[in-house]
């Protein structure tokens, strides 16, 4: 599904405190997800770019839930993030996690699997 559809879907899990696209506060979390899922397709995440137009390509990448910057050493694919290098007017403002365990900045209309993160209910 698209990124917007994935974001909506992740917010619809019943019987949890909160649910959203998966975010990463440490590089170790990325490694844990990669080793656990061993996926062979790209998945949407809750990593997005919040920036003013024409800022440097790596500026403003954040965990969309807490609006915190992504951790240092974030595993981007070689040459990424590149804001599309001409694709769709340079509007690759969300990140997907590829089967290679690295991130790619992508357009929101790309079709990917979805990686949601849920917090259990508190009693």
C-alpha atoms as a PDB file:
ATOM      1  CA  UNK A   1       0.000   0.000   0.000  1.00  0.00           C
ATOM      2  CA  UNK A   2       1.014   3.661  -0.189  1.00  0.00           C
ATOM      3  CA  UNK A   3       2.662   5.404   2.767  1.00  0.00           C
ATOM      4  CA  UNK A   4      -0.490   7.358   3.674  1.00  0.00           C
ATOM      5  CA  UNK A   5      -2.614   4.180   3.574  1.00  0.00           C
ATOM      6  CA  UNK A   6       0.017   2.365   5.661  1.00  0.00           C
ATOM      7  CA  UNK A   7       0.055   5.155   8.242  1.00  0.00           C
ATOM      8  CA  UNK A   8      -3.745   4.978   8.522  1.00  0.00           C
ATOM      9  CA  UNK A   9      -3.746   1.174   8.743  1.00  0.00           C
ATOM     10  CA  UNK A  10      -1.139   1.109  11.494  1.00  0.00           C
ATOM     11  CA  UNK A  11      -3.311   3.395  13.603  1.00  0.00           C
ATOM     12  CA  UNK A  12      -6.257   0.998  13.478  1.00  0.00           C
ATOM     13  CA  UNK A  13      -5.139  -1.927  15.652  1.00  0.00           C
ATOM     14  CA  UNK A  14      -7.698  -2.751  18.353  1.00  0.00           C
ATOM     15  CA  UNK A  15      -6.805  -3.510  21.955  1.00  0.00           C
ATOM     16  CA  UNK A  16      -3.492  -1.654  22.025  1.00  0.00           C
ATOM     17  CA  UNK A  17      -2.539   1.622  23.689  1.00  0.00           C
ATOM     18  CA  UNK A  18      -1.013   3.109  20.547  1.00  0.00           C
ATOM     19  CA  UNK A  19      -0.022   1.840  17.136  1.00  0.00           C
ATOM     20  CA  UNK A  20       1.818   3.555  14.308  1.00  0.00           C
ATOM     21  CA  UNK A  21       4.345   2.998  11.566  1.00  0.00           C
ATOM     22  CA  UNK A  22       7.518   1.588  13.111  1.00  0.00           C
ATOM     23  CA  UNK A  23      10.073   4.146  14.227  1.00  0.00           C
ATOM     24  CA  UNK A  24      13.677   3.749  15.288  1.00  0.00           C
ATOM     25  CA  UNK A  25      15.415   5.516  18.138  1.00  0.00           C
ATOM     26  CA  UNK A  26      18.674   3.566  17.899  1.00  0.00           C
ATOM     27  CA  UNK A  27      20.656   1.785  15.212  1.00  0.00           C
ATOM     28  CA  UNK A  28      20.387  -1.344  17.378  1.00  0.00           C
ATOM     29  CA  UNK A  29      16.598  -1.279  16.917  1.00  0.00           C
ATOM     30  CA  UNK A  30      17.113  -1.337  13.153  1.00  0.00           C
ATOM     31  CA  UNK A  31      19.422  -4.357  13.508  1.00  0.00           C
ATOM     32  CA  UNK A  32      16.919  -6.148  15.743  1.00  0.00           C
ATOM     33  CA  UNK A  33      14.087  -5.634  13.241  1.00  0.00           C
ATOM     34  CA  UNK A  34      16.281  -6.802  10.368  1.00  0.00           C
ATOM     35  CA  UNK A  35      17.430  -9.938  12.150  1.00  0.00           C
ATOM     36  CA  UNK A  36      13.919 -10.766  13.351  1.00  0.00           C
ATOM     37  CA  UNK A  37      11.954 -10.199  10.153  1.00  0.00           C
ATOM     38  CA  UNK A  38      14.432 -11.385   7.525  1.00  0.00           C
ATOM     39  CA  UNK A  39      12.044  -9.884   5.018  1.00  0.00           C
ATOM     40  CA  UNK A  40      12.526  -9.988   1.251  1.00  0.00           C
ATOM     41  CA  UNK A  41      10.569  -6.849   0.390  1.00  0.00           C
ATOM     42  CA  UNK A  42      10.623  -3.170   1.320  1.00  0.00           C
ATOM     43  CA  UNK A  43       8.437  -1.989   4.192  1.00  0.00           C
ATOM     44  CA  UNK A  44       7.115   1.446   5.093  1.00  0.00           C
ATOM     45  CA  UNK A  45       8.421   2.983   8.308  1.00  0.00           C
ATOM     46  CA  UNK A  46       7.598   6.055  10.361  1.00  0.00           C
ATOM     47  CA  UNK A  47      10.774   7.848   9.312  1.00  0.00           C
ATOM     48  CA  UNK A  48      10.079  11.045   7.408  1.00  0.00           C
ATOM     49  CA  UNK A  49      11.776  14.229   6.336  1.00  0.00           C
ATOM     50  CA  UNK A  50      10.556  17.482   7.816  1.00  0.00           C
ATOM     51  CA  UNK A  51      12.299  20.299   6.076  1.00  0.00           C
ATOM     52  CA  UNK A  52      11.954  23.499   4.227  1.00  0.00           C
ATOM     53  CA  UNK A  53      12.251  23.279   0.481  1.00  0.00           C
ATOM     54  CA  UNK A  54      15.855  23.192  -0.810  1.00  0.00           C
ATOM     55  CA  UNK A  55      17.496  22.242   2.489  1.00  0.00           C
ATOM     56  CA  UNK A  56      20.441  19.795   2.321  1.00  0.00           C
ATOM     57  CA  UNK A  57      19.267  16.281   1.358  1.00  0.00           C
ATOM     58  CA  UNK A  58      19.995  14.657   4.747  1.00  0.00           C
ATOM     59  CA  UNK A  59      18.430  17.438   6.826  1.00  0.00           C
ATOM     60  CA  UNK A  60      15.416  16.949   9.028  1.00  0.00           C
ATOM     61  CA  UNK A  61      14.961  13.142   8.962  1.00  0.00           C
ATOM     62  CA  UNK A  62      12.922  12.269  12.037  1.00  0.00           C
ATOM     63  CA  UNK A  63      10.968   9.591  13.848  1.00  0.00           C
ATOM     64  CA  UNK A  64       7.479  10.811  12.830  1.00  0.00           C
ATOM     65  CA  UNK A  65       5.808   9.833  16.106  1.00  0.00           C
ATOM     66  CA  UNK A  66       8.079  11.757  18.491  1.00  0.00           C
ATOM     67  CA  UNK A  67       9.525  14.178  15.904  1.00  0.00           C
ATOM     68  CA  UNK A  68      13.006  13.226  17.158  1.00  0.00           C
ATOM     69  CA  UNK A  69      15.975  13.118  14.779  1.00  0.00           C
ATOM     70  CA  UNK A  70      16.952   9.669  13.540  1.00  0.00           C
ATOM     71  CA  UNK A  71      20.024   8.218  15.263  1.00  0.00           C
ATOM     72  CA  UNK A  72      23.567   8.850  14.092  1.00  0.00           C
ATOM     73  CA  UNK A  73      24.808   6.069  11.855  1.00  0.00           C
ATOM     74  CA  UNK A  74      21.330   5.423  10.432  1.00  0.00           C
ATOM     75  CA  UNK A  75      21.788   2.717   7.763  1.00  0.00           C
ATOM     76  CA  UNK A  76      20.882   4.414   4.479  1.00  0.00           C
ATOM     77  CA  UNK A  77      21.530   2.670   1.173  1.00  0.00           C
ATOM     78  CA  UNK A  78      24.532   4.027  -0.723  1.00  0.00           C
ATOM     79  CA  UNK A  79      23.707   7.452  -2.137  1.00  0.00           C
ATOM     80  CA  UNK A  80      20.578   7.864  -0.008  1.00  0.00           C
ATOM     81  CA  UNK A  81      18.782   9.940   1.021  1.00  0.00           C
ATOM     82  CA  UNK A  82      18.864  11.704  -2.322  1.00  0.00           C
ATOM     83  CA  UNK A  83      15.382  13.268  -2.382  1.00  0.00           C
ATOM     84  CA  UNK A  84      14.636  11.487  -5.609  1.00  0.00           C
ATOM     85  CA  UNK A  85      17.382  12.852  -7.824  1.00  0.00           C
ATOM     86  CA  UNK A  86      14.677  14.153 -10.125  1.00  0.00           C
ATOM     87  CA  UNK A  87      11.967  11.616  -9.315  1.00  0.00           C
ATOM     88  CA  UNK A  88       8.602  13.311  -8.800  1.00  0.00           C
ATOM     89  CA  UNK A  89      10.162  16.763  -8.432  1.00  0.00           C
ATOM     90  CA  UNK A  90      12.446  15.627  -5.622  1.00  0.00           C
ATOM     91  CA  UNK A  91       9.731  14.778  -3.135  1.00  0.00           C
ATOM     92  CA  UNK A  92      10.960  11.599  -1.509  1.00  0.00           C
ATOM     93  CA  UNK A  93      10.093  12.566   2.036  1.00  0.00           C
ATOM     94  CA  UNK A  94       9.441   9.193   3.711  1.00  0.00           C
ATOM     95  CA  UNK A  95      11.689   6.179   4.235  1.00  0.00           C
ATOM     96  CA  UNK A  96      11.227   2.509   3.590  1.00  0.00           C
ATOM     97  CA  UNK A  97      13.317  -0.289   5.042  1.00  0.00           C
ATOM     98  CA  UNK A  98      14.586  -2.574   2.303  1.00  0.00           C
ATOM     99  CA  UNK A  99      15.267  -6.287   2.353  1.00  0.00           C
ATOM    100  CA  UNK A 100      18.962  -5.390   2.553  1.00  0.00           C
ATOM    101  CA  UNK A 101      18.391  -3.791   5.996  1.00  0.00           C
ATOM    102  CA  UNK A 102      19.032  -0.293   4.708  1.00  0.00           C
ATOM    103  CA  UNK A 103      16.739   2.675   4.215  1.00  0.00           C
ATOM    104  CA  UNK A 104      15.737   4.500   1.047  1.00  0.00           C
ATOM    105  CA  UNK A 105      13.967   7.826   0.847  1.00  0.00           C
ATOM    106  CA  UNK A 106      10.881   7.200  -1.230  1.00  0.00           C
ATOM    107  CA  UNK A 107       7.805   8.874  -2.682  1.00  0.00           C
ATOM    108  CA  UNK A 108       4.625   8.343  -0.669  1.00  0.00           C
ATOM    109  CA  UNK A 109       2.831   6.737  -3.612  1.00  0.00           C
ATOM    110  CA  UNK A 110       5.246   3.791  -3.854  1.00  0.00           C
ATOM    111  CA  UNK A 111       3.637   0.458  -2.960  1.00  0.00           C
ATOM    112  CA  UNK A 112       5.323  -1.375  -0.083  1.00  0.00           C
ATOM    113  CA  UNK A 113       4.569  -3.744   2.734  1.00  0.00           C
ATOM    114  CA  UNK A 114       3.839  -2.138   6.098  1.00  0.00           C
ATOM    115  CA  UNK A 115       5.833  -2.310   9.332  1.00  0.00           C
ATOM    116  CA  UNK A 116       3.696  -1.277  12.322  1.00  0.00           C
ATOM    117  CA  UNK A 117       4.719  -0.807  15.945  1.00  0.00           C
ATOM    118  CA  UNK A 118       2.170  -1.380  18.714  1.00  0.00           C
ATOM    119  CA  UNK A 119       2.291  -0.612  22.414  1.00  0.00           C
ATOM    120  CA  UNK A 120       0.375  -3.077  24.607  1.00  0.00           C
ATOM    121  CA  UNK A 121      -2.496  -1.740  26.682  1.00  0.00           C
ATOM    122  CA  UNK A 122      -1.775  -0.465  30.151  1.00  0.00           C
ATOM    123  CA  UNK A 123      -3.943  -1.700  32.976  1.00  0.00           C
END
